[in-house]
Amino acid sequence: HPHAPASFMPCHGFVLDDVSFVSSELVASVRPRAARLSAFLAEAEKRPDAGSLDYWQKEAKTYDEDIFRSSDEDHEGVIRTELDAAAQRAASELGRGRCPALGSGRGQCAATGSHADISSAGKSLLAVDVGCGPGKWLPGLSSRFSTVVGLDQSQALLDKAKADDAILVSNAHGKIDIRPAMDLGAACKLEKGPDGKEFCGPEIPGIRQAADLVASFNVLLSPNKKARANILRRAAEMLRPSSNSTLLLLIPSAESYRRVRQLYRDFGGPSGGLGAYDDLLSKNPAVDEADNVFPIFARTKHYTKEEACSMVEAVGLTCEKVVPYPMPWKFIFPHSSDWSQQLLKDERPAHEWVVVAHPKAALAVVEKAATPTHADFL
């Protein structure tokens, strides 16, 4: 479960996961529009689960070309600011002082203290990247936390992580540990910890109730509700039982997808200068539409702002905030004309959701770090 496919990227001539996506210009020459859309809908229903291992094993081969990389697009520092704040919360609990000021709010603060300082305090700061994929966020995490564990069930993506950043992984003074993981969406095997409380096993050694930060960037994508719930429960149970530990999620926005879809239609569809995208013109199966599951390469779960908070609260956490993570229009409509891109500059940007949560009572004791102001977009 690595980073998400382009959250609003419609089909335009790719072949992925043995499903051919044919551009509407080509099909238009041989089929009436109604029949074309009917065929497209039938095809969309057969697309793979965006959270499946098979999908990501195959996607590893073309990851850099196909996948939205949030680590490269965080130009406003939305995620990096939250990483700073998480490190600051954990460090302050150790009595090791505060991180330096956040400056321009672009995530320039690293966790204070050297490894020696942390050892003398009897504890190190641990971050876990659940579904780390090819490790795009590992450098940012390792600059803020003493130890970083990257988990992913796709060995192909983990191999890519080691190949892409071999120097960082091998020479980070033992800070980064990349591990193959079980399917975190698999059914729970209930086990009991030393405190007698049940948790969702099997246990990943050394991580349960140990992490100061658990980050998960576009991992909760599967249309399977039970799989998503199991991943989220396991992630929550990795957190230290402290109000100063943090769960940080990046998830696709249902509100933004629906708005992008309507904007495309308002522009005139294929003739509007944005490109030809059958995904944004087709009717979604009723059950998927109701659950905000949309066919973007694979069938991908999207979330409303309210749903984002309620799902973390369902695993016993306090939802601190849900804020938009802007996405560039050129990524949303990669084949748009220059003049249509100019028109899009006047539109509110598309976005995903960043969710910040803590174990219960977090908001009562956590001093909130300054974060950039963003439009609500709703």
Foldseek 3Di string as FASTA:
>chain_A
DAAFWLLQAFDDADQAPNQTDHFPVVVVVPDDPVVVLVVVQVSLVPFAFRQDLVRLLRCLVVVVPTGDDLLVQQAQQQVLLVLQQLLQLVCVVLVNDGWPACVSQNNPTARDDDPVRQVVSVHWAEEEEERCFLPSCVVSNVRHTQAYEYEHQHPSRPVNNCVVPVCCQVPVVRRYHYDYDDLQLDFFDWDADPVRDTAGDDDDPPQFLRHLEYEYHANLWGPDPSSSLSNLLNSQRSHNLDLSRKYKYWFAALVLSLVVLVVCVVCPACPNQLHHGSQSVHDHPPVCVVQSFGRHSGGTGHDHQVRLQVSNVVSQKHWDDKAWRFDQSCSSRVRGDPVVSVVCVPPDGRTIIMTMIGHPPSVVPRDDRDHDDDDRSD
